[in-house]
Amino acid sequence: MKIESSTKPAVAPRVNEPHGHSSSKAASVANDDVKLSFVSAQLSTTDDQPPFDATRVSEIKQAISDGRFAINAGAIADRLIASAKELVDNQRQA
């Protein structure tokens, strides 16, 4: 028995417009206001720091390859729970 894919990729139809003409939707998009989220504001304020410490990354890589890198599951769980709590609190305030 041969199994074939019954789904076809969805492709949006192309609309060819004469040069110099734009649709009303495209024109309205240009006039829309943009509001940034709290997270994007936080990300933009941390531009003064590098996204990671290259020295620390190489130390961790070496520890992993040497087999001496220990994973602290408790610390990871604590940080994950704190992060989830922060996200929930931010959504409640919004």
PDB file of N, CA and C in Angstrom:
ATOM      1  N   MET A   1       0.843  -1.160   0.000  1.00  0.00           N
ATOM      2  CA  MET A   1       0.000   0.000   0.000  1.00  0.00           C
ATOM      3  C   MET A   1       0.897   1.235   0.000  1.00  0.00           C
ATOM      4  N   LYS A   2       0.603   2.187  -0.851  1.00  0.00           N
ATOM      5  CA  LYS A   2       1.383   3.401  -0.969  1.00  0.00           C
ATOM      6  C   LYS A   2       0.670   4.528  -0.219  1.00  0.00           C
ATOM      7  N   ILE A   3       1.417   5.224   0.605  1.00  0.00           N
ATOM      8  CA  ILE A   3       0.848   6.347   1.350  1.00  0.00           C
ATOM      9  C   ILE A   3       1.339   7.633   0.706  1.00  0.00           C
ATOM     10  N   GLU A   4       0.405   8.488   0.360  1.00  0.00           N
ATOM     11  CA  GLU A   4       0.750   9.756  -0.268  1.00  0.00           C
ATOM     12  C   GLU A   4       0.288  10.900   0.612  1.00  0.00           C
ATOM     13  N   SER A   5       0.966  11.987   0.495  1.00  0.00           N
ATOM     14  CA  SER A   5       0.579  13.172   1.246  1.00  0.00           C
ATOM     15  C   SER A   5      -0.686  13.759   0.633  1.00  0.00           C
ATOM     16  N   SER A   6      -1.677  13.965   1.470  1.00  0.00           N
ATOM     17  CA  SER A   6      -2.931  14.521   0.966  1.00  0.00           C
ATOM     18  C   SER A   6      -2.998  16.026   1.150  1.00  0.00           C
ATOM     19  N   THR A   7      -1.988  16.582   1.785  1.00  0.00           N
ATOM     20  CA  THR A   7      -1.993  18.027   1.980  1.00  0.00           C
ATOM     21  C   THR A   7      -1.170  18.695   0.907  1.00  0.00           C
ATOM     22  N   LYS A   8      -1.620  19.836   0.509  1.00  0.00           N
ATOM     23  CA  LYS A   8      -0.904  20.618  -0.486  1.00  0.00           C
ATOM     24  C   LYS A   8      -0.466  21.909   0.174  1.00  0.00           C
ATOM     25  N   PRO A   9       0.718  22.396  -0.152  1.00  0.00           N
ATOM     26  CA  PRO A   9       1.163  23.639   0.464  1.00  0.00           C
ATOM     27  C   PRO A   9       0.264  24.800   0.059  1.00  0.00           C
ATOM     28  N   ALA A  10      -0.047  25.641   1.024  1.00  0.00           N
ATOM     29  CA  ALA A  10      -0.878  26.804   0.750  1.00  0.00           C
ATOM     30  C   ALA A  10      -0.004  27.908   0.191  1.00  0.00           C
ATOM     31  N   VAL A  11      -0.385  28.414  -0.950  1.00  0.00           N
ATOM     32  CA  VAL A  11       0.364  29.474  -1.597  1.00  0.00           C
ATOM     33  C   VAL A  11      -0.583  30.644  -1.818  1.00  0.00           C
ATOM     34  N   ALA A  12      -0.191  31.795  -1.369  1.00  0.00           N
ATOM     35  CA  ALA A  12      -1.026  32.978  -1.553  1.00  0.00           C
ATOM     36  C   ALA A  12      -0.968  33.398  -3.019  1.00  0.00           C
ATOM     37  N   PRO A  13      -2.109  33.772  -3.585  1.00  0.00           N
ATOM     38  CA  PRO A  13      -2.101  34.209  -4.983  1.00  0.00           C
ATOM     39  C   PRO A  13      -1.343  35.522  -5.126  1.00  0.00           C
ATOM     40  N   ARG A  14      -0.618  35.643  -6.215  1.00  0.00           N
ATOM     41  CA  ARG A  14       0.106  36.877  -6.489  1.00  0.00           C
ATOM     42  C   ARG A  14      -0.827  37.861  -7.153  1.00  0.00           C
ATOM     43  N   VAL A  15      -0.732  39.076  -6.732  1.00  0.00           N
ATOM     44  CA  VAL A  15      -1.545  40.128  -7.326  1.00  0.00           C
ATOM     45  C   VAL A  15      -0.601  41.078  -8.026  1.00  0.00           C
ATOM     46  N   ASN A  16      -0.765  41.194  -9.306  1.00  0.00           N
ATOM     47  CA  ASN A  16       0.069  42.111 -10.064  1.00  0.00           C
ATOM     48  C   ASN A  16      -0.655  43.440 -10.178  1.00  0.00           C
ATOM     49  N   GLU A  17      -0.021  44.500  -9.678  1.00  0.00           N
ATOM     50  CA  GLU A  17      -0.609  45.823  -9.747  1.00  0.00           C
ATOM     51  C   GLU A  17       0.264  46.686 -10.631  1.00  0.00           C
ATOM     52  N   PRO A  18      -0.355  47.614 -11.327  1.00  0.00           N
ATOM     53  CA  PRO A  18       0.438  48.524 -12.150  1.00  0.00           C
ATOM     54  C   PRO A  18       1.391  49.331 -11.258  1.00  0.00           C
ATOM     55  N   HIS A  19       2.521  49.725 -11.819  1.00  0.00           N
ATOM     56  CA  HIS A  19       3.489  50.516 -11.055  1.00  0.00           C
ATOM     57  C   HIS A  19       2.856  51.829 -10.625  1.00  0.00           C
ATOM     58  N   GLY A  20       3.157  52.239  -9.390  1.00  0.00           N
ATOM     59  CA  GLY A  20       2.638  53.500  -8.891  1.00  0.00           C
ATOM     60  C   GLY A  20       1.313  53.357  -8.172  1.00  0.00           C
ATOM     61  N   HIS A  21       0.707  52.186  -8.196  1.00  0.00           N
ATOM     62  CA  HIS A  21      -0.555  51.952  -7.500  1.00  0.00           C
ATOM     63  C   HIS A  21      -0.295  51.016  -6.332  1.00  0.00           C
ATOM     64  N   SER A  22      -0.924  51.299  -5.217  1.00  0.00           N
ATOM     65  CA  SER A  22      -0.798  50.413  -4.071  1.00  0.00           C
ATOM     66  C   SER A  22      -2.181  50.127  -3.540  1.00  0.00           C
ATOM     67  N   SER A  23      -2.313  48.994  -2.893  1.00  0.00           N
ATOM     68  CA  SER A  23      -3.616  48.644  -2.348  1.00  0.00           C
ATOM     69  C   SER A  23      -3.902  49.482  -1.116  1.00  0.00           C
ATOM     70  N   SER A  24      -5.154  49.585  -0.746  1.00  0.00           N
ATOM     71  CA  SER A  24      -5.535  50.371   0.425  1.00  0.00           C
ATOM     72  C   SER A  24      -5.002  49.730   1.696  1.00  0.00           C
ATOM     73  N   LYS A  25      -4.876  48.395   1.711  1.00  0.00           N
ATOM     74  CA  LYS A  25      -4.347  47.720   2.887  1.00  0.00           C
ATOM     75  C   LYS A  25      -2.895  48.098   3.104  1.00  0.00           C
ATOM     76  N   ALA A  26      -2.107  48.124   2.059  1.00  0.00           N
ATOM     77  CA  ALA A  26      -0.702  48.493   2.185  1.00  0.00           C
ATOM     78  C   ALA A  26      -0.567  49.939   2.633  1.00  0.00           C
ATOM     79  N   ALA A  27      -1.451  50.796   2.157  1.00  0.00           N
ATOM     80  CA  ALA A  27      -1.397  52.198   2.554  1.00  0.00           C
ATOM     81  C   ALA A  27      -1.772  52.355   4.022  1.00  0.00           C
ATOM     82  N   SER A  28      -2.738  51.565   4.498  1.00  0.00           N
ATOM     83  CA  SER A  28      -3.147  51.690   5.893  1.00  0.00           C
ATOM     84  C   SER A  28      -2.081  51.145   6.837  1.00  0.00           C
ATOM     85  N   VAL A  29      -1.312  50.168   6.390  1.00  0.00           N
ATOM     86  CA  VAL A  29      -0.255  49.617   7.222  1.00  0.00           C
ATOM     87  C   VAL A  29       0.807  50.678   7.486  1.00  0.00           C
ATOM     88  N   ALA A  30       1.081  51.511   6.515  1.00  0.00           N
ATOM     89  CA  ALA A  30       2.093  52.538   6.679  1.00  0.00           C
ATOM     90  C   ALA A  30       1.691  53.561   7.733  1.00  0.00           C
ATOM     91  N   ASN A  31       0.405  53.725   7.988  1.00  0.00           N
ATOM     92  CA  ASN A  31      -0.072  54.718   8.939  1.00  0.00           C
ATOM     93  C   ASN A  31      -0.356  54.141  10.320  1.00  0.00           C
ATOM     94  N   ASP A  32      -0.188  52.838  10.516  1.00  0.00           N
ATOM     95  CA  ASP A  32      -0.476  52.219  11.806  1.00  0.00           C
ATOM     96  C   ASP A  32       0.570  52.599  12.843  1.00  0.00           C
ATOM     97  N   ASP A  33       0.125  52.711  14.103  1.00  0.00           N
ATOM     98  CA  ASP A  33       1.031  52.974  15.206  1.00  0.00           C
ATOM     99  C   ASP A  33       1.650  51.665  15.666  1.00  0.00           C
ATOM    100  N   VAL A  34       2.875  51.733  16.113  1.00  0.00           N
ATOM    101  CA  VAL A  34       3.576  50.560  16.611  1.00  0.00           C
ATOM    102  C   VAL A  34       3.790  50.740  18.104  1.00  0.00           C
ATOM    103  N   LYS A  35       3.389  49.735  18.886  1.00  0.00           N
ATOM    104  CA  LYS A  35       3.595  49.767  20.323  1.00  0.00           C
ATOM    105  C   LYS A  35       4.465  48.571  20.698  1.00  0.00           C
ATOM    106  N   LEU A  36       5.557  48.841  21.390  1.00  0.00           N
ATOM    107  CA  LEU A  36       6.474  47.778  21.778  1.00  0.00           C
ATOM    108  C   LEU A  36       6.066  47.187  23.113  1.00  0.00           C
ATOM    109  N   SER A  37       6.292  45.912  23.266  1.00  0.00           N
ATOM    110  CA  SER A  37       5.948  45.235  24.511  1.00  0.00           C
ATOM    111  C   SER A  37       6.990  45.522  25.588  1.00  0.00           C
ATOM    112  N   PHE A  38       6.659  45.130  26.803  1.00  0.00           N
ATOM    113  CA  PHE A  38       7.563  45.294  27.934  1.00  0.00           C
ATOM    114  C   PHE A  38       8.868  44.548  27.691  1.00  0.00           C
ATOM    115  N   VAL A  39       8.775  43.354  27.121  1.00  0.00           N
ATOM    116  CA  VAL A  39       9.971  42.538  26.876  1.00  0.00           C
ATOM    117  C   VAL A  39      10.880  43.219  25.858  1.00  0.00           C
ATOM    118  N   SER A  40      10.311  43.791  24.811  1.00  0.00           N
ATOM    119  CA  SER A  40      11.155  44.450  23.816  1.00  0.00           C
ATOM    120  C   SER A  40      11.824  45.683  24.407  1.00  0.00           C
ATOM    121  N   ALA A  41      11.141  46.358  25.325  1.00  0.00           N
ATOM    122  CA  ALA A  41      11.764  47.500  25.992  1.00  0.00           C
ATOM    123  C   ALA A  41      12.942  47.033  26.843  1.00  0.00           C
ATOM    124  N   GLN A  42      12.790  45.904  27.520  1.00  0.00           N
ATOM    125  CA  GLN A  42      13.887  45.359  28.315  1.00  0.00           C
ATOM    126  C   GLN A  42      15.064  44.976  27.426  1.00  0.00           C
ATOM    127  N   LEU A  43      14.771  44.371  26.286  1.00  0.00           N
ATOM    128  CA  LEU A  43      15.842  43.958  25.391  1.00  0.00           C
ATOM    129  C   LEU A  43      16.601  45.151  24.850  1.00  0.00           C
ATOM    130  N   SER A  44      15.917  46.234  24.563  1.00  0.00           N
ATOM    131  CA  SER A  44      16.592  47.394  24.008  1.00  0.00           C
ATOM    132  C   SER A  44      17.448  48.106  25.044  1.00  0.00           C
ATOM    133  N   THR A  45      17.148  47.937  26.334  1.00  0.00           N
ATOM    134  CA  THR A  45      17.947  48.595  27.360  1.00  0.00           C
ATOM    135  C   THR A  45      19.209  47.815  27.701  1.00  0.00           C
ATOM    136  N   THR A  46      19.337  46.598  27.251  1.00  0.00           N
ATOM    137  CA  THR A  46      20.516  45.789  27.559  1.00  0.00           C
ATOM    138  C   THR A  46      21.514  45.764  26.412  1.00  0.00           C
ATOM    139  N   ASP A  47      21.452  46.743  25.518  1.00  0.00           N
ATOM    140  CA  ASP A  47      22.360  46.773  24.380  1.00  0.00           C
ATOM    141  C   ASP A  47      23.795  47.104  24.772  1.00  0.00           C
ATOM    142  N   ASP A  48      24.028  47.614  25.984  1.00  0.00           N
ATOM    143  CA  ASP A  48      25.371  47.976  26.385  1.00  0.00           C
ATOM    144  C   ASP A  48      26.210  46.773  26.792  1.00  0.00           C
ATOM    145  N   GLN A  49      25.589  45.607  26.967  1.00  0.00           N
ATOM    146  CA  GLN A  49      26.300  44.397  27.351  1.00  0.00           C
ATOM    147  C   GLN A  49      26.375  43.440  26.168  1.00  0.00           C
ATOM    148  N   PRO A  50      27.462  42.673  26.071  1.00  0.00           N
ATOM    149  CA  PRO A  50      27.480  41.641  25.027  1.00  0.00           C
ATOM    150  C   PRO A  50      26.445  40.570  25.373  1.00  0.00           C
ATOM    151  N   PRO A  51      25.871  39.902  24.375  1.00  0.00           N
ATOM    152  CA  PRO A  51      24.838  38.913  24.656  1.00  0.00           C
ATOM    153  C   PRO A  51      25.351  37.706  25.437  1.00  0.00           C
ATOM    154  N   PHE A  52      26.638  37.470  25.421  1.00  0.00           N
ATOM    155  CA  PHE A  52      27.215  36.366  26.194  1.00  0.00           C
ATOM    156  C   PHE A  52      28.686  36.653  26.458  1.00  0.00           C
ATOM    157  N   ASP A  53      29.233  35.944  27.414  1.00  0.00           N
ATOM    158  CA  ASP A  53      30.638  36.073  27.773  1.00  0.00           C
ATOM    159  C   ASP A  53      31.403  34.966  27.048  1.00  0.00           C
ATOM    160  N   ALA A  54      32.159  35.343  26.040  1.00  0.00           N
ATOM    161  CA  ALA A  54      32.864  34.362  25.220  1.00  0.00           C
ATOM    162  C   ALA A  54      33.843  33.531  26.046  1.00  0.00           C
ATOM    163  N   THR A  55      34.478  34.141  27.028  1.00  0.00           N
ATOM    164  CA  THR A  55      35.412  33.401  27.876  1.00  0.00           C
ATOM    165  C   THR A  55      34.681  32.330  28.663  1.00  0.00           C
ATOM    166  N   ARG A  56      33.540  32.698  29.227  1.00  0.00           N
ATOM    167  CA  ARG A  56      32.747  31.744  30.017  1.00  0.00           C
ATOM    168  C   ARG A  56      32.233  30.608  29.120  1.00  0.00           C
ATOM    169  N   VAL A  57      31.833  30.934  27.903  1.00  0.00           N
ATOM    170  CA  VAL A  57      31.351  29.906  26.973  1.00  0.00           C
ATOM    171  C   VAL A  57      32.465  28.908  26.669  1.00  0.00           C
ATOM    172  N   SER A  58      33.681  29.410  26.446  1.00  0.00           N
ATOM    173  CA  SER A  58      34.780  28.482  26.150  1.00  0.00           C
ATOM    174  C   SER A  58      35.136  27.634  27.374  1.00  0.00           C
ATOM    175  N   GLU A  59      35.008  28.209  28.578  1.00  0.00           N
ATOM    176  CA  GLU A  59      35.246  27.429  29.799  1.00  0.00           C
ATOM    177  C   GLU A  59      34.225  26.300  29.922  1.00  0.00           C
ATOM    178  N   ILE A  60      32.969  26.602  29.639  1.00  0.00           N
ATOM    179  CA  ILE A  60      31.915  25.579  29.721  1.00  0.00           C
ATOM    180  C   ILE A  60      32.126  24.507  28.663  1.00  0.00           C
ATOM    181  N   LYS A  61      32.496  24.917  27.452  1.00  0.00           N
ATOM    182  CA  LYS A  61      32.769  23.937  26.389  1.00  0.00           C
ATOM    183  C   LYS A  61      33.884  22.980  26.808  1.00  0.00           C
ATOM    184  N   GLN A  62      34.924  23.544  27.380  1.00  0.00           N
ATOM    185  CA  GLN A  62      36.054  22.715  27.812  1.00  0.00           C
ATOM    186  C   GLN A  62      35.627  21.764  28.929  1.00  0.00           C
ATOM    187  N   ALA A  63      34.825  22.260  29.871  1.00  0.00           N
ATOM    188  CA  ALA A  63      34.346  21.413  30.970  1.00  0.00           C
ATOM    189  C   ALA A  63      33.477  20.275  30.446  1.00  0.00           C
ATOM    190  N   ILE A  64      32.651  20.559  29.448  1.00  0.00           N
ATOM    191  CA  ILE A  64      31.808  19.506  28.862  1.00  0.00           C
ATOM    192  C   ILE A  64      32.679  18.461  28.172  1.00  0.00           C
ATOM    193  N   SER A  65      33.648  18.916  27.383  1.00  0.00           N
ATOM    194  CA  SER A  65      34.498  17.952  26.669  1.00  0.00           C
ATOM    195  C   SER A  65      35.377  17.152  27.622  1.00  0.00           C
ATOM    196  N   ASP A  66      35.748  17.734  28.775  1.00  0.00           N
ATOM    197  CA  ASP A  66      36.532  17.009  29.775  1.00  0.00           C
ATOM    198  C   ASP A  66      35.675  16.097  30.646  1.00  0.00           C
ATOM    199  N   GLY A  67      34.366  16.241  30.570  1.00  0.00           N
ATOM    200  CA  GLY A  67      33.455  15.423  31.363  1.00  0.00           C
ATOM    201  C   GLY A  67      33.320  15.893  32.808  1.00  0.00           C
ATOM    202  N   ARG A  68      33.676  17.128  33.093  1.00  0.00           N
ATOM    203  CA  ARG A  68      33.575  17.631  34.452  1.00  0.00           C
ATOM    204  C   ARG A  68      32.496  18.700  34.616  1.00  0.00           C
ATOM    205  N   PHE A  69      31.625  18.856  33.633  1.00  0.00           N
ATOM    206  CA  PHE A  69      30.533  19.825  33.720  1.00  0.00           C
ATOM    207  C   PHE A  69      29.356  19.168  34.425  1.00  0.00           C
ATOM    208  N   ALA A  70      28.960  19.715  35.554  1.00  0.00           N
ATOM    209  CA  ALA A  70      27.844  19.171  36.326  1.00  0.00           C
ATOM    210  C   ALA A  70      26.618  20.045  36.128  1.00  0.00           C
ATOM    211  N   ILE A  71      25.492  19.407  35.890  1.00  0.00           N
ATOM    212  CA  ILE A  71      24.229  20.121  35.711  1.00  0.00           C
ATOM    213  C   ILE A  71      23.526  20.189  37.059  1.00  0.00           C
ATOM    214  N   ASN A  72      23.164  21.387  37.464  1.00  0.00           N
ATOM    215  CA  ASN A  72      22.457  21.592  38.715  1.00  0.00           C
ATOM    216  C   ASN A  72      20.970  21.703  38.392  1.00  0.00           C
ATOM    217  N   ALA A  73      20.278  20.577  38.446  1.00  0.00           N
ATOM    218  CA  ALA A  73      18.859  20.534  38.073  1.00  0.00           C
ATOM    219  C   ALA A  73      18.007  21.420  38.976  1.00  0.00           C
ATOM    220  N   GLY A  74      18.362  21.522  40.244  1.00  0.00           N
ATOM    221  CA  GLY A  74      17.605  22.362  41.170  1.00  0.00           C
ATOM    222  C   GLY A  74      17.661  23.833  40.791  1.00  0.00           C
ATOM    223  N   ALA A  75      18.852  24.304  40.435  1.00  0.00           N
ATOM    224  CA  ALA A  75      19.007  25.704  40.030  1.00  0.00           C
ATOM    225  C   ALA A  75      18.253  25.987  38.734  1.00  0.00           C
ATOM    226  N   ILE A  76      18.311  25.048  37.801  1.00  0.00           N
ATOM    227  CA  ILE A  76      17.586  25.213  36.543  1.00  0.00           C
ATOM    228  C   ILE A  76      16.084  25.275  36.800  1.00  0.00           C
ATOM    229  N   ALA A  77      15.585  24.391  37.647  1.00  0.00           N
ATOM    230  CA  ALA A  77      14.158  24.379  37.966  1.00  0.00           C
ATOM    231  C   ALA A  77      13.744  25.671  38.655  1.00  0.00           C
ATOM    232  N   ASP A  78      14.551  26.145  39.601  1.00  0.00           N
ATOM    233  CA  ASP A  78      14.235  27.386  40.303  1.00  0.00           C
ATOM    234  C   ASP A  78      14.151  28.566  39.347  1.00  0.00           C
ATOM    235  N   ARG A  79      15.098  28.660  38.429  1.00  0.00           N
ATOM    236  CA  ARG A  79      15.097  29.760  37.463  1.00  0.00           C
ATOM    237  C   ARG A  79      13.938  29.650  36.489  1.00  0.00           C
ATOM    238  N   LEU A  80      13.597  28.438  36.083  1.00  0.00           N
ATOM    239  CA  LEU A  80      12.468  28.231  35.185  1.00  0.00           C
ATOM    240  C   LEU A  80      11.157  28.643  35.855  1.00  0.00           C
ATOM    241  N   ILE A  81      10.989  28.262  37.108  1.00  0.00           N
ATOM    242  CA  ILE A  81       9.780  28.629  37.851  1.00  0.00           C
ATOM    243  C   ILE A  81       9.719  30.146  38.045  1.00  0.00           C
ATOM    244  N   ALA A  82      10.844  30.771  38.375  1.00  0.00           N
ATOM    245  CA  ALA A  82      10.874  32.226  38.553  1.00  0.00           C
ATOM    246  C   ALA A  82      10.538  32.941  37.246  1.00  0.00           C
ATOM    247  N   SER A  83      11.051  32.420  36.146  1.00  0.00           N
ATOM    248  CA  SER A  83      10.764  33.013  34.841  1.00  0.00           C
ATOM    249  C   SER A  83       9.289  32.888  34.493  1.00  0.00           C
ATOM    250  N   ALA A  84       8.718  31.715  34.728  1.00  0.00           N
ATOM    251  CA  ALA A  84       7.296  31.508  34.450  1.00  0.00           C
ATOM    252  C   ALA A  84       6.438  32.409  35.325  1.00  0.00           C
ATOM    253  N   LYS A  85       6.820  32.561  36.589  1.00  0.00           N
ATOM    254  CA  LYS A  85       6.079  33.423  37.503  1.00  0.00           C
ATOM    255  C   LYS A  85       6.125  34.868  37.017  1.00  0.00           C
ATOM    256  N   GLU A  86       7.292  35.312  36.576  1.00  0.00           N
ATOM    257  CA  GLU A  86       7.434  36.675  36.066  1.00  0.00           C
ATOM    258  C   GLU A  86       6.561  36.901  34.839  1.00  0.00           C
ATOM    259  N   LEU A  87       6.517  35.928  33.944  1.00  0.00           N
ATOM    260  CA  LEU A  87       5.677  36.050  32.751  1.00  0.00           C
ATOM    261  C   LEU A  87       4.199  36.138  33.124  1.00  0.00           C
ATOM    262  N   VAL A  88       3.760  35.309  34.057  1.00  0.00           N
ATOM    263  CA  VAL A  88       2.365  35.336  34.490  1.00  0.00           C
ATOM    264  C   VAL A  88       2.040  36.676  35.148  1.00  0.00           C
ATOM    265  N   ASP A  89       2.921  37.158  36.009  1.00  0.00           N
ATOM    266  CA  ASP A  89       2.709  38.449  36.670  1.00  0.00           C
ATOM    267  C   ASP A  89       2.625  39.589  35.660  1.00  0.00           C
ATOM    268  N   ASN A  90       3.490  39.561  34.645  1.00  0.00           N
ATOM    269  CA  ASN A  90       3.481  40.609  33.616  1.00  0.00           C
ATOM    270  C   ASN A  90       2.187  40.574  32.811  1.00  0.00           C
ATOM    271  N   GLN A  91       1.670  39.384  32.536  1.00  0.00           N
ATOM    272  CA  GLN A  91       0.422  39.271  31.784  1.00  0.00           C
ATOM    273  C   GLN A  91      -0.755  39.755  32.602  1.00  0.00           C
ATOM    274  N   ARG A  92      -0.723  39.530  33.898  1.00  0.00           N
ATOM    275  CA  ARG A  92      -1.809  40.002  34.764  1.00  0.00           C
ATOM    276  C   ARG A  92      -1.813  41.522  34.851  1.00  0.00           C
ATOM    277  N   GLN A  93      -0.648  42.142  34.831  1.00  0.00           N
ATOM    278  CA  GLN A  93      -0.557  43.600  34.924  1.00  0.00           C
ATOM    279  C   GLN A  93      -0.975  44.265  33.628  1.00  0.00           C
ATOM    280  N   ALA A  94      -0.820  43.575  32.524  1.00  0.00           N
ATOM    281  CA  ALA A  94      -1.141  44.168  31.213  1.00  0.00           C
ATOM    282  C   ALA A  94      -2.611  44.229  30.940  1.00  0.00           C
TER     283      ALA A  94
END
